[in-house]
Amino acid sequence: MFSKTCEYGIRACIFIATQSYQNKRVTIKDIAEKINSPKSFTAKILQILAKNNIVHSIQGIGGGFEIPKDTLPHINLAQIVTAIDGNSIFTSCGLGINHCSEEHPCPLFSKFKGIREDLVFMLENTNLEELALDIKSGDSFLK
């Protein structure tokens, strides 16, 4: 459903959010280890996330990546997905047909439309704060 880059990006954001709750910045190495991603690949993903103001990169001694606590409730998964994969997950055909639409539907259009609407709702209504708190409470895990 999501690209591998997007999966790692979501996991990285959740991990950074959990650490930001503890007022900690994390390094690329820490993030890559925690989300089980190659370090160089993680660095490229974090560049995209920083460029889109989802994570903040702090240079120098004591630097690393963070997400300000007050922004965690306002960053939803749709923002992360759009930053990394664009909006194709919200608009693309379930069969990958380029010109699938209401006027020219593929065989799955009507069934996939509801799934896509549910997915959009979930992504827009799930924020980093709730996911970080689920990790912190032990209700969910990244590894």
N, C-alpha and C. Protein backbone atom coordinates (compact mmCIF):
# COMPACT_ATOMS: atom_id res chain seq x y z
N MET A 1 0.82 -1.19 0.00
CA MET A 1 0.00 0.00 0.00
C MET A 1 0.87 1.26 0.00
N PHE A 2 1.76 1.38 0.99
CA PHE A 2 2.70 2.49 1.02
C PHE A 2 4.02 2.01 0.43
N SER A 3 4.79 2.95 -0.11
CA SER A 3 6.13 2.60 -0.56
C SER A 3 6.97 2.26 0.67
N LYS A 4 8.07 1.55 0.47
CA LYS A 4 8.98 1.22 1.56
C LYS A 4 9.51 2.51 2.19
N THR A 5 9.78 3.51 1.36
CA THR A 5 10.25 4.80 1.87
C THR A 5 9.22 5.40 2.82
N CYS A 6 7.96 5.33 2.44
CA CYS A 6 6.89 5.89 3.27
C CYS A 6 6.73 5.10 4.56
N GLU A 7 6.81 3.79 4.48
CA GLU A 7 6.72 2.97 5.70
C GLU A 7 7.80 3.36 6.69
N TYR A 8 9.04 3.47 6.19
CA TYR A 8 10.14 3.88 7.07
C TYR A 8 9.94 5.30 7.58
N GLY A 9 9.41 6.18 6.74
CA GLY A 9 9.16 7.56 7.14
C GLY A 9 8.14 7.64 8.27
N ILE A 10 7.08 6.87 8.17
CA ILE A 10 6.07 6.86 9.24
C ILE A 10 6.68 6.32 10.52
N ARG A 11 7.41 5.22 10.41
CA ARG A 11 8.04 4.64 11.60
C ARG A 11 9.04 5.61 12.22
N ALA A 12 9.82 6.30 11.38
CA ALA A 12 10.80 7.27 11.89
C ALA A 12 10.08 8.39 12.65
N CYS A 13 9.00 8.89 12.08
CA CYS A 13 8.26 9.97 12.74
C CYS A 13 7.69 9.53 14.08
N ILE A 14 7.18 8.31 14.13
CA ILE A 14 6.63 7.81 15.39
C ILE A 14 7.75 7.69 16.43
N PHE A 15 8.89 7.14 16.02
CA PHE A 15 10.00 7.01 16.96
C PHE A 15 10.48 8.38 17.44
N ILE A 16 10.66 9.30 16.51
CA ILE A 16 11.10 10.66 16.89
C ILE A 16 10.08 11.28 17.84
N ALA A 17 8.80 11.08 17.57
CA ALA A 17 7.75 11.63 18.44
C ALA A 17 7.84 11.06 19.85
N THR A 18 8.08 9.75 19.97
CA THR A 18 8.19 9.15 21.32
C THR A 18 9.37 9.75 22.08
N GLN A 19 10.46 10.01 21.38
CA GLN A 19 11.64 10.59 22.02
C GLN A 19 11.43 12.08 22.33
N SER A 20 10.72 12.76 21.46
CA SER A 20 10.43 14.18 21.68
C SER A 20 9.58 14.38 22.93
N TYR A 21 8.72 13.42 23.24
CA TYR A 21 7.93 13.49 24.47
C TYR A 21 8.81 13.46 25.71
N GLN A 22 9.99 12.87 25.56
CA GLN A 22 10.93 12.80 26.68
C GLN A 22 11.99 13.90 26.57
N ASN A 23 11.73 14.89 25.70
CA ASN A 23 12.65 16.00 25.46
C ASN A 23 14.03 15.53 24.97
N LYS A 24 14.03 14.48 24.16
CA LYS A 24 15.27 13.95 23.61
C LYS A 24 15.31 14.16 22.10
N ARG A 25 16.50 14.47 21.61
CA ARG A 25 16.75 14.47 20.17
C ARG A 25 17.41 13.15 19.83
N VAL A 26 17.17 12.68 18.62
CA VAL A 26 17.74 11.40 18.22
C VAL A 26 18.56 11.55 16.95
N THR A 27 19.59 10.73 16.84
CA THR A 27 20.48 10.78 15.68
C THR A 27 19.95 9.87 14.58
N ILE A 28 20.49 10.05 13.40
CA ILE A 28 20.13 9.18 12.28
C ILE A 28 20.43 7.73 12.64
N LYS A 29 21.56 7.52 13.28
CA LYS A 29 21.95 6.16 13.67
C LYS A 29 20.91 5.54 14.59
N ASP A 30 20.48 6.29 15.61
CA ASP A 30 19.46 5.79 16.55
C ASP A 30 18.15 5.46 15.82
N ILE A 31 17.75 6.36 14.95
CA ILE A 31 16.49 6.17 14.21
C ILE A 31 16.59 4.94 13.32
N ALA A 32 17.67 4.84 12.55
CA ALA A 32 17.85 3.71 11.63
C ALA A 32 17.82 2.38 12.39
N GLU A 33 18.48 2.34 13.53
CA GLU A 33 18.49 1.10 14.33
C GLU A 33 17.10 0.77 14.85
N LYS A 34 16.39 1.78 15.34
CA LYS A 34 15.09 1.54 15.96
C LYS A 34 14.04 1.11 14.93
N ILE A 35 14.13 1.65 13.70
CA ILE A 35 13.10 1.30 12.70
C ILE A 35 13.60 0.24 11.72
N ASN A 36 14.82 -0.28 11.99
CA ASN A 36 15.39 -1.35 11.17
C ASN A 36 15.52 -0.95 9.70
N SER A 37 16.14 0.20 9.49
CA SER A 37 16.31 0.76 8.15
C SER A 37 17.78 1.08 7.92
N PRO A 38 18.27 0.94 6.69
CA PRO A 38 19.66 1.34 6.42
C PRO A 38 19.87 2.82 6.74
N LYS A 39 21.03 3.12 7.31
CA LYS A 39 21.33 4.49 7.77
C LYS A 39 21.24 5.52 6.64
N SER A 40 21.83 5.22 5.47
CA SER A 40 21.82 6.20 4.37
C SER A 40 20.41 6.41 3.84
N PHE A 41 19.62 5.35 3.79
CA PHE A 41 18.23 5.45 3.35
C PHE A 41 17.43 6.29 4.35
N THR A 42 17.67 6.05 5.62
CA THR A 42 17.00 6.82 6.68
C THR A 42 17.35 8.30 6.57
N ALA A 43 18.60 8.61 6.27
CA ALA A 43 19.03 10.01 6.13
C ALA A 43 18.27 10.70 5.01
N LYS A 44 18.08 10.02 3.89
CA LYS A 44 17.34 10.60 2.77
C LYS A 44 15.88 10.84 3.14
N ILE A 45 15.30 9.91 3.85
CA ILE A 45 13.90 10.05 4.28
C ILE A 45 13.77 11.24 5.23
N LEU A 46 14.70 11.36 6.16
CA LEU A 46 14.64 12.46 7.13
C LEU A 46 14.83 13.81 6.45
N GLN A 47 15.61 13.84 5.39
CA GLN A 47 15.75 15.08 4.60
C GLN A 47 14.40 15.51 4.05
N ILE A 48 13.66 14.57 3.50
CA ILE A 48 12.33 14.86 2.95
C ILE A 48 11.40 15.35 4.05
N LEU A 49 11.42 14.67 5.19
CA LEU A 49 10.54 15.04 6.29
C LEU A 49 10.91 16.42 6.86
N ALA A 50 12.19 16.73 6.93
CA ALA A 50 12.62 18.04 7.42
C ALA A 50 12.23 19.14 6.42
N LYS A 51 12.41 18.86 5.14
CA LYS A 51 12.05 19.83 4.10
C LYS A 51 10.56 20.16 4.15
N ASN A 52 9.75 19.19 4.56
CA ASN A 52 8.31 19.38 4.66
C ASN A 52 7.86 19.80 6.06
N ASN A 53 8.81 20.20 6.90
CA ASN A 53 8.54 20.70 8.26
C ASN A 53 7.78 19.72 9.13
N ILE A 54 8.03 18.44 8.93
CA ILE A 54 7.41 17.43 9.78
C ILE A 54 8.35 17.12 10.94
N VAL A 55 9.64 17.01 10.66
CA VAL A 55 10.65 16.86 11.71
C VAL A 55 11.58 18.06 11.64
N HIS A 56 12.24 18.34 12.75
CA HIS A 56 13.23 19.42 12.80
C HIS A 56 14.61 18.80 12.97
N SER A 57 15.54 19.31 12.20
CA SER A 57 16.92 18.86 12.27
C SER A 57 17.74 19.94 12.97
N ILE A 58 18.41 19.54 14.04
CA ILE A 58 19.24 20.46 14.81
C ILE A 58 20.69 20.04 14.62
N GLN A 59 21.52 20.96 14.13
CA GLN A 59 22.93 20.69 13.84
C GLN A 59 23.78 20.88 15.08
N GLY A 60 24.97 20.27 15.07
CA GLY A 60 25.96 20.52 16.11
C GLY A 60 25.86 19.56 17.29
N ILE A 61 26.68 19.87 18.31
CA ILE A 61 26.72 19.04 19.52
C ILE A 61 25.35 19.08 20.19
N GLY A 62 24.84 17.92 20.54
CA GLY A 62 23.52 17.82 21.15
C GLY A 62 22.40 17.90 20.13
N GLY A 63 22.78 17.92 18.87
CA GLY A 63 21.77 18.00 17.80
C GLY A 63 21.13 16.66 17.52
N GLY A 64 20.37 16.66 16.48
CA GLY A 64 19.64 15.46 16.08
C GLY A 64 18.30 15.85 15.53
N PHE A 65 17.37 14.92 15.57
CA PHE A 65 16.04 15.16 15.06
C PHE A 65 15.03 15.20 16.20
N GLU A 66 14.05 16.07 16.03
CA GLU A 66 12.98 16.21 17.01
C GLU A 66 11.73 16.70 16.33
N ILE A 67 10.64 16.55 17.05
CA ILE A 67 9.36 17.13 16.64
C ILE A 67 8.83 17.85 17.87
N PRO A 68 8.65 19.15 17.80
CA PRO A 68 8.16 19.87 18.98
C PRO A 68 6.87 19.25 19.51
N LYS A 69 6.82 19.05 20.82
CA LYS A 69 5.67 18.37 21.45
C LYS A 69 4.34 19.03 21.10
N ASP A 70 4.34 20.36 21.03
CA ASP A 70 3.07 21.04 20.78
C ASP A 70 2.55 20.83 19.35
N THR A 71 3.41 20.33 18.45
CA THR A 71 2.96 20.08 17.07
C THR A 71 2.50 18.63 16.86
N LEU A 72 2.83 17.73 17.78
CA LEU A 72 2.49 16.32 17.60
C LEU A 72 1.00 16.06 17.35
N PRO A 73 0.09 16.76 18.04
CA PRO A 73 -1.33 16.51 17.77
C PRO A 73 -1.78 17.02 16.40
N HIS A 74 -0.96 17.87 15.78
CA HIS A 74 -1.35 18.51 14.52
C HIS A 74 -0.71 17.88 13.29
N ILE A 75 0.17 16.91 13.50
CA ILE A 75 0.81 16.22 12.37
C ILE A 75 0.11 14.88 12.19
N ASN A 76 -0.60 14.75 11.07
CA ASN A 76 -1.30 13.49 10.83
C ASN A 76 -0.55 12.65 9.81
N LEU A 77 -0.95 11.39 9.73
CA LEU A 77 -0.28 10.47 8.81
C LEU A 77 -0.42 10.89 7.35
N ALA A 78 -1.52 11.54 7.02
CA ALA A 78 -1.71 11.99 5.63
C ALA A 78 -0.61 12.97 5.23
N GLN A 79 -0.18 13.82 6.14
CA GLN A 79 0.89 14.77 5.84
C GLN A 79 2.21 14.04 5.55
N ILE A 80 2.49 13.01 6.32
CA ILE A 80 3.72 12.24 6.13
C ILE A 80 3.67 11.49 4.80
N VAL A 81 2.54 10.84 4.55
CA VAL A 81 2.37 10.08 3.30
C VAL A 81 2.49 11.01 2.10
N THR A 82 1.85 12.15 2.15
CA THR A 82 1.90 13.10 1.04
C THR A 82 3.31 13.63 0.83
N ALA A 83 4.03 13.91 1.93
CA ALA A 83 5.40 14.42 1.82
C ALA A 83 6.31 13.41 1.12
N ILE A 84 6.10 12.14 1.38
CA ILE A 84 7.00 11.11 0.85
C ILE A 84 6.50 10.51 -0.46
N ASP A 85 5.24 10.12 -0.50
CA ASP A 85 4.70 9.41 -1.68
C ASP A 85 3.82 10.27 -2.58
N GLY A 86 3.58 11.51 -2.18
CA GLY A 86 2.65 12.33 -2.96
C GLY A 86 1.22 11.94 -2.63
N ASN A 87 0.29 12.37 -3.45
CA ASN A 87 -1.12 12.11 -3.13
C ASN A 87 -1.72 10.94 -3.93
N SER A 88 -0.89 10.15 -4.57
CA SER A 88 -1.41 9.08 -5.42
C SER A 88 -2.25 8.06 -4.65
N ILE A 89 -1.92 7.81 -3.39
CA ILE A 89 -2.70 6.85 -2.62
C ILE A 89 -4.15 7.33 -2.43
N PHE A 90 -4.33 8.64 -2.50
CA PHE A 90 -5.66 9.22 -2.31
C PHE A 90 -6.46 9.26 -3.62
N THR A 91 -5.76 9.13 -4.74
CA THR A 91 -6.43 9.34 -6.02
C THR A 91 -6.26 8.21 -7.03
N SER A 92 -5.29 7.34 -6.82
CA SER A 92 -4.96 6.36 -7.86
C SER A 92 -5.98 5.22 -7.94
N CYS A 93 -5.93 4.56 -9.06
CA CYS A 93 -6.80 3.42 -9.34
C CYS A 93 -6.30 2.19 -8.58
N GLY A 94 -7.22 1.38 -8.10
CA GLY A 94 -6.87 0.15 -7.40
C GLY A 94 -6.17 -0.86 -8.29
N LEU A 95 -6.37 -0.76 -9.59
CA LEU A 95 -5.71 -1.65 -10.55
C LEU A 95 -4.53 -1.00 -11.25
N GLY A 96 -4.27 0.26 -10.93
CA GLY A 96 -3.15 0.96 -11.53
C GLY A 96 -3.42 1.51 -12.92
N ILE A 97 -4.69 1.62 -13.28
CA ILE A 97 -5.05 2.15 -14.60
C ILE A 97 -4.96 3.68 -14.54
N ASN A 98 -4.29 4.26 -15.52
CA ASN A 98 -4.02 5.70 -15.50
C ASN A 98 -5.27 6.58 -15.58
N HIS A 99 -6.24 6.20 -16.37
CA HIS A 99 -7.38 7.08 -16.60
C HIS A 99 -8.67 6.54 -15.99
N CYS A 100 -8.56 5.96 -14.82
CA CYS A 100 -9.73 5.44 -14.10
C CYS A 100 -10.40 6.61 -13.38
N SER A 101 -11.72 6.71 -13.52
CA SER A 101 -12.47 7.80 -12.89
C SER A 101 -13.93 7.41 -12.77
N GLU A 102 -14.72 8.28 -12.15
CA GLU A 102 -16.18 8.06 -12.06
C GLU A 102 -16.78 7.88 -13.44
N GLU A 103 -16.30 8.68 -14.40
CA GLU A 103 -16.84 8.65 -15.76
C GLU A 103 -16.32 7.46 -16.56
N HIS A 104 -15.13 6.98 -16.21
CA HIS A 104 -14.49 5.88 -16.94
C HIS A 104 -13.90 4.92 -15.90
N PRO A 105 -14.76 4.17 -15.17
CA PRO A 105 -14.29 3.35 -14.04
C PRO A 105 -13.69 2.01 -14.47
N CYS A 106 -12.71 1.56 -13.69
CA CYS A 106 -12.18 0.21 -13.86
C CYS A 106 -13.15 -0.76 -13.17
N PRO A 107 -12.97 -2.06 -13.32
CA PRO A 107 -13.87 -3.02 -12.67
C PRO A 107 -13.90 -2.94 -11.14
N LEU A 108 -12.84 -2.42 -10.52
CA LEU A 108 -12.80 -2.32 -9.06
C LEU A 108 -13.20 -0.95 -8.53
N PHE A 109 -13.47 0.00 -9.41
CA PHE A 109 -13.64 1.39 -9.00
C PHE A 109 -14.63 1.54 -7.84
N SER A 110 -15.83 1.01 -7.99
CA SER A 110 -16.86 1.24 -6.96
C SER A 110 -16.50 0.57 -5.64
N LYS A 111 -15.86 -0.58 -5.67
CA LYS A 111 -15.46 -1.25 -4.42
C LYS A 111 -14.25 -0.56 -3.79
N PHE A 112 -13.31 -0.15 -4.62
CA PHE A 112 -12.09 0.49 -4.13
C PHE A 112 -12.35 1.90 -3.61
N LYS A 113 -13.36 2.55 -4.13
CA LYS A 113 -13.68 3.91 -3.72
C LYS A 113 -13.94 3.98 -2.21
N GLY A 114 -14.71 3.04 -1.70
CA GLY A 114 -15.00 3.01 -0.26
C GLY A 114 -13.77 2.73 0.57
N ILE A 115 -12.93 1.82 0.09
CA ILE A 115 -11.68 1.51 0.80
C ILE A 115 -10.79 2.74 0.84
N ARG A 116 -10.67 3.42 -0.29
CA ARG A 116 -9.84 4.62 -0.35
C ARG A 116 -10.39 5.70 0.59
N GLU A 117 -11.70 5.88 0.61
CA GLU A 117 -12.30 6.88 1.51
C GLU A 117 -12.00 6.55 2.97
N ASP A 118 -12.09 5.27 3.33
CA ASP A 118 -11.77 4.85 4.70
C ASP A 118 -10.29 5.10 5.01
N LEU A 119 -9.44 4.81 4.05
CA LEU A 119 -8.01 5.02 4.23
C LEU A 119 -7.70 6.50 4.41
N VAL A 120 -8.27 7.34 3.58
CA VAL A 120 -8.07 8.78 3.69
C VAL A 120 -8.53 9.27 5.06
N PHE A 121 -9.69 8.80 5.50
CA PHE A 121 -10.21 9.20 6.81
C PHE A 121 -9.23 8.80 7.92
N MET A 122 -8.74 7.56 7.87
CA MET A 122 -7.81 7.09 8.90
C MET A 122 -6.53 7.91 8.89
N LEU A 123 -5.96 8.15 7.71
CA LEU A 123 -4.70 8.90 7.62
C LEU A 123 -4.86 10.34 8.08
N GLU A 124 -5.98 10.95 7.76
CA GLU A 124 -6.22 12.35 8.16
C GLU A 124 -6.57 12.49 9.64
N ASN A 125 -7.04 11.41 10.24
CA ASN A 125 -7.51 11.47 11.63
C ASN A 125 -6.63 10.71 12.60
N THR A 126 -5.44 10.34 12.17
CA THR A 126 -4.47 9.68 13.05
C THR A 126 -3.26 10.59 13.13
N ASN A 127 -2.96 11.04 14.35
CA ASN A 127 -1.85 11.97 14.51
C ASN A 127 -0.68 11.34 15.26
N LEU A 128 0.46 11.99 15.18
CA LEU A 128 1.67 11.46 15.81
C LEU A 128 1.56 11.39 17.33
N GLU A 129 0.81 12.29 17.91
CA GLU A 129 0.68 12.26 19.36
C GLU A 129 0.06 10.94 19.82
N GLU A 130 -1.05 10.54 19.21
CA GLU A 130 -1.72 9.31 19.65
C GLU A 130 -0.85 8.08 19.39
N LEU A 131 -0.12 8.07 18.28
CA LEU A 131 0.74 6.93 17.98
C LEU A 131 1.92 6.86 18.94
N ALA A 132 2.50 8.01 19.26
CA ALA A 132 3.61 8.05 20.22
C ALA A 132 3.14 7.60 21.60
N LEU A 133 1.96 8.02 21.99
CA LEU A 133 1.44 7.62 23.31
C LEU A 133 1.13 6.13 23.35
N ASP A 134 0.69 5.55 22.23
CA ASP A 134 0.48 4.10 22.17
C ASP A 134 1.79 3.34 22.37
N ILE A 135 2.86 3.85 21.78
CA ILE A 135 4.18 3.23 21.95
C ILE A 135 4.62 3.38 23.41
N LYS A 136 4.48 4.59 23.93
CA LYS A 136 4.92 4.88 25.30
C LYS A 136 4.18 4.01 26.32
N SER A 137 2.89 3.78 26.09
CA SER A 137 2.10 2.99 27.03
C SER A 137 2.33 1.49 26.88
N GLY A 138 2.98 1.08 25.80
CA GLY A 138 3.20 -0.34 25.56
C GLY A 138 2.06 -1.01 24.80
N ASP A 139 1.08 -0.22 24.36
CA ASP A 139 -0.05 -0.78 23.61
C ASP A 139 0.32 -1.16 22.19
N SER A 140 1.42 -0.57 21.67
CA SER A 140 1.88 -0.92 20.32
C SER A 140 3.40 -0.82 20.29
N PHE A 141 3.98 -1.33 19.21
CA PHE A 141 5.43 -1.45 19.11
C PHE A 141 5.89 -1.09 17.70
N LEU A 142 7.14 -0.66 17.58
CA LEU A 142 7.73 -0.37 16.26
C LEU A 142 8.54 -1.54 15.72
N LYS A 143 8.95 -2.43 16.57
CA LYS A 143 9.74 -3.60 16.14
C LYS A 143 9.09 -4.87 16.60
